[in-house]
Amino acid sequence: MVTILTSVIFLGMMILITVLDCHYYDMNWMDCFMRLFIFDPGLREWMVYLTFIFGMVVAIVQDLRYKNKKYWSRGANGK
């Protein structure tokens, strides 16, 4: 659940950035969206993607811990 929520937040942020860029630069929305994935030298975009990957790893670990805790906390009657 945490992983899904992290992915939804990331997609929402990408859409918001695309809409703001389209409004600010008066460009087509597809051009603005594709521009998010272009690596230009010197922009340090790798920091953004590295932070996203780190957040996804943390979210997956939290999901696994929650699932294991829920599985092992069941009582003798299976609830």
N, C-alpha and C. Protein backbone atom coordinates (compact mmCIF):
# COMPACT_ATOMS: atom_id res chain seq x y z
N MET A 1 0.81 -1.19 0.00
CA MET A 1 0.00 0.00 0.00
C MET A 1 0.86 1.26 0.00
N VAL A 2 1.96 1.21 0.74
CA VAL A 2 2.85 2.37 0.79
C VAL A 2 3.49 2.59 -0.57
N THR A 3 3.84 1.49 -1.26
CA THR A 3 4.46 1.59 -2.58
C THR A 3 3.49 2.20 -3.59
N ILE A 4 2.24 1.80 -3.54
CA ILE A 4 1.24 2.35 -4.45
C ILE A 4 1.05 3.84 -4.17
N LEU A 5 0.98 4.20 -2.91
CA LEU A 5 0.81 5.61 -2.55
C LEU A 5 2.01 6.44 -3.00
N THR A 6 3.22 5.91 -2.85
CA THR A 6 4.41 6.62 -3.31
C THR A 6 4.38 6.82 -4.82
N SER A 7 3.96 5.79 -5.55
CA SER A 7 3.88 5.89 -7.01
C SER A 7 2.83 6.91 -7.43
N VAL A 8 1.69 6.92 -6.75
CA VAL A 8 0.62 7.88 -7.08
C VAL A 8 1.08 9.31 -6.81
N ILE A 9 1.78 9.51 -5.71
CA ILE A 9 2.29 10.86 -5.39
C ILE A 9 3.31 11.30 -6.43
N PHE A 10 4.20 10.38 -6.85
CA PHE A 10 5.19 10.73 -7.87
C PHE A 10 4.52 11.07 -9.19
N LEU A 11 3.54 10.29 -9.62
CA LEU A 11 2.84 10.58 -10.86
C LEU A 11 2.07 11.90 -10.77
N GLY A 12 1.46 12.16 -9.62
CA GLY A 12 0.76 13.43 -9.42
C GLY A 12 1.70 14.62 -9.50
N MET A 13 2.89 14.47 -8.93
CA MET A 13 3.87 15.54 -9.00
C MET A 13 4.35 15.76 -10.43
N MET A 14 4.53 14.67 -11.19
CA MET A 14 4.94 14.82 -12.58
C MET A 14 3.87 15.53 -13.39
N ILE A 15 2.61 15.20 -13.16
CA ILE A 15 1.52 15.85 -13.88
C ILE A 15 1.44 17.33 -13.50
N LEU A 16 1.58 17.64 -12.22
CA LEU A 16 1.55 19.02 -11.77
C LEU A 16 2.69 19.83 -12.38
N ILE A 17 3.89 19.26 -12.41
CA ILE A 17 5.03 19.94 -13.01
C ILE A 17 4.80 20.16 -14.49
N THR A 18 4.22 19.16 -15.18
CA THR A 18 3.94 19.29 -16.60
C THR A 18 2.94 20.41 -16.86
N VAL A 19 1.89 20.48 -16.08
CA VAL A 19 0.88 21.53 -16.26
C VAL A 19 1.48 22.91 -16.00
N LEU A 20 2.28 23.02 -14.94
CA LEU A 20 2.90 24.31 -14.64
C LEU A 20 3.89 24.73 -15.72
N ASP A 21 4.67 23.77 -16.23
CA ASP A 21 5.61 24.10 -17.31
C ASP A 21 4.87 24.52 -18.57
N CYS A 22 3.79 23.84 -18.89
CA CYS A 22 3.02 24.19 -20.09
C CYS A 22 2.45 25.60 -19.96
N HIS A 23 1.97 25.93 -18.78
CA HIS A 23 1.43 27.27 -18.56
C HIS A 23 2.53 28.33 -18.61
N TYR A 24 3.67 28.02 -18.01
CA TYR A 24 4.76 29.00 -17.91
C TYR A 24 5.46 29.22 -19.25
N TYR A 25 5.74 28.12 -19.98
CA TYR A 25 6.50 28.23 -21.23
C TYR A 25 5.63 28.26 -22.48
N ASP A 26 4.32 28.16 -22.35
CA ASP A 26 3.39 28.14 -23.48
C ASP A 26 3.79 27.09 -24.53
N MET A 27 3.98 25.87 -24.04
CA MET A 27 4.37 24.76 -24.91
C MET A 27 3.27 23.70 -24.89
N ASN A 28 3.38 22.75 -25.79
CA ASN A 28 2.49 21.61 -25.85
C ASN A 28 2.70 20.74 -24.60
N TRP A 29 1.64 20.12 -24.08
CA TRP A 29 1.78 19.35 -22.84
C TRP A 29 2.65 18.11 -23.04
N MET A 30 2.62 17.53 -24.23
CA MET A 30 3.46 16.35 -24.48
C MET A 30 4.94 16.73 -24.52
N ASP A 31 5.26 17.89 -25.08
CA ASP A 31 6.65 18.36 -25.08
C ASP A 31 7.13 18.62 -23.65
N CYS A 32 6.27 19.21 -22.84
CA CYS A 32 6.63 19.49 -21.45
C CYS A 32 6.83 18.19 -20.67
N PHE A 33 5.97 17.20 -20.91
CA PHE A 33 6.09 15.92 -20.20
C PHE A 33 7.35 15.18 -20.61
N MET A 34 7.65 15.14 -21.91
CA MET A 34 8.84 14.43 -22.37
C MET A 34 10.12 15.15 -21.94
N ARG A 35 10.04 16.44 -21.75
CA ARG A 35 11.22 17.21 -21.31
C ARG A 35 11.65 16.81 -19.90
N LEU A 36 10.74 16.26 -19.11
CA LEU A 36 11.09 15.82 -17.76
C LEU A 36 12.08 14.66 -17.79
N PHE A 37 12.11 13.91 -18.88
CA PHE A 37 12.95 12.71 -18.95
C PHE A 37 14.22 12.91 -19.76
N ILE A 38 14.49 14.13 -20.19
CA ILE A 38 15.70 14.41 -20.96
C ILE A 38 16.82 14.75 -19.98
N PHE A 39 17.94 14.07 -20.13
CA PHE A 39 19.10 14.35 -19.29
C PHE A 39 20.00 15.35 -20.00
N ASP A 40 19.97 16.59 -19.57
CA ASP A 40 20.87 17.61 -20.08
C ASP A 40 22.09 17.68 -19.17
N PRO A 41 23.27 17.76 -19.73
CA PRO A 41 24.48 17.83 -18.89
C PRO A 41 24.44 19.04 -17.96
N GLY A 42 24.78 18.83 -16.72
CA GLY A 42 24.89 19.91 -15.77
C GLY A 42 23.62 20.24 -15.01
N LEU A 43 22.51 19.55 -15.27
CA LEU A 43 21.27 19.88 -14.58
C LEU A 43 21.08 19.10 -13.28
N ARG A 44 21.89 18.09 -13.07
CA ARG A 44 21.84 17.27 -11.86
C ARG A 44 20.47 16.64 -11.67
N GLU A 45 19.85 16.21 -12.76
CA GLU A 45 18.55 15.54 -12.66
C GLU A 45 18.69 14.16 -12.03
N TRP A 46 19.89 13.61 -12.04
CA TRP A 46 20.08 12.30 -11.45
C TRP A 46 19.75 12.33 -9.96
N MET A 47 19.88 13.49 -9.33
CA MET A 47 19.53 13.60 -7.90
C MET A 47 18.05 13.35 -7.69
N VAL A 48 17.22 13.84 -8.60
CA VAL A 48 15.77 13.65 -8.49
C VAL A 48 15.43 12.18 -8.65
N TYR A 49 16.01 11.54 -9.65
CA TYR A 49 15.70 10.13 -9.89
C TYR A 49 16.28 9.24 -8.80
N LEU A 50 17.45 9.59 -8.29
CA LEU A 50 18.04 8.82 -7.19
C LEU A 50 17.18 8.93 -5.94
N THR A 51 16.64 10.11 -5.67
CA THR A 51 15.75 10.29 -4.53
C THR A 51 14.48 9.48 -4.71
N PHE A 52 13.92 9.45 -5.93
CA PHE A 52 12.73 8.66 -6.21
C PHE A 52 13.00 7.17 -6.01
N ILE A 53 14.13 6.69 -6.52
CA ILE A 53 14.46 5.28 -6.37
C ILE A 53 14.65 4.93 -4.90
N PHE A 54 15.32 5.79 -4.14
CA PHE A 54 15.48 5.56 -2.71
C PHE A 54 14.13 5.53 -2.00
N GLY A 55 13.23 6.43 -2.37
CA GLY A 55 11.89 6.44 -1.77
C GLY A 55 11.10 5.18 -2.10
N MET A 56 11.24 4.69 -3.33
CA MET A 56 10.54 3.46 -3.71
C MET A 56 11.09 2.26 -2.94
N VAL A 57 12.41 2.20 -2.74
CA VAL A 57 13.00 1.10 -1.98
C VAL A 57 12.51 1.14 -0.54
N VAL A 58 12.48 2.31 0.05
CA VAL A 58 11.98 2.45 1.43
C VAL A 58 10.51 2.04 1.51
N ALA A 59 9.71 2.44 0.51
CA ALA A 59 8.29 2.09 0.51
C ALA A 59 8.10 0.58 0.38
N ILE A 60 8.89 -0.08 -0.45
CA ILE A 60 8.78 -1.54 -0.60
C ILE A 60 9.18 -2.24 0.68
N VAL A 61 10.25 -1.77 1.34
CA VAL A 61 10.66 -2.36 2.61
C VAL A 61 9.57 -2.18 3.66
N GLN A 62 8.94 -1.00 3.71
CA GLN A 62 7.86 -0.77 4.67
C GLN A 62 6.67 -1.68 4.38
N ASP A 63 6.34 -1.87 3.11
CA ASP A 63 5.26 -2.79 2.76
C ASP A 63 5.57 -4.21 3.21
N LEU A 64 6.78 -4.66 2.97
CA LEU A 64 7.17 -6.02 3.37
C LEU A 64 7.14 -6.18 4.88
N ARG A 65 7.62 -5.18 5.61
CA ARG A 65 7.58 -5.25 7.08
C ARG A 65 6.13 -5.30 7.58
N TYR A 66 5.27 -4.48 6.99
CA TYR A 66 3.86 -4.47 7.40
C TYR A 66 3.21 -5.81 7.11
N LYS A 67 3.51 -6.36 5.94
CA LYS A 67 2.92 -7.65 5.57
C LYS A 67 3.41 -8.76 6.50
N ASN A 68 4.71 -8.77 6.81
CA ASN A 68 5.25 -9.79 7.73
C ASN A 68 4.70 -9.62 9.13
N LYS A 69 4.57 -8.39 9.59
CA LYS A 69 4.04 -8.13 10.93
C LYS A 69 2.59 -8.59 11.01
N LYS A 70 1.82 -8.31 9.96
CA LYS A 70 0.43 -8.72 9.92
C LYS A 70 0.31 -10.24 9.88
N TYR A 71 1.21 -10.90 9.14
CA TYR A 71 1.19 -12.36 9.02
C TYR A 71 1.56 -13.03 10.33
N TRP A 72 2.59 -12.53 10.99
CA TRP A 72 3.06 -13.17 12.21
C TRP A 72 2.26 -12.78 13.45
N SER A 73 1.43 -11.75 13.36
CA SER A 73 0.66 -11.33 14.54
C SER A 73 -0.68 -12.05 14.64
N ARG A 74 -0.96 -12.95 13.72
CA ARG A 74 -2.22 -13.69 13.81
C ARG A 74 -2.20 -14.61 15.02
N GLY A 75 -3.34 -14.73 15.65
CA GLY A 75 -3.45 -15.57 16.83
C GLY A 75 -3.62 -17.04 16.48
N ALA A 76 -3.92 -17.84 17.50
CA ALA A 76 -4.06 -19.29 17.32
C ALA A 76 -5.32 -19.64 16.51
N ASN A 77 -6.32 -18.77 16.54
CA ASN A 77 -7.55 -19.07 15.82
C ASN A 77 -7.52 -18.59 14.37
N GLY A 78 -6.40 -18.05 13.90
CA GLY A 78 -6.26 -17.66 12.50
C GLY A 78 -6.76 -16.28 12.16
N LYS A 79 -7.09 -15.46 13.12
CA LYS A 79 -7.58 -14.10 12.85
C LYS A 79 -6.44 -13.13 12.83
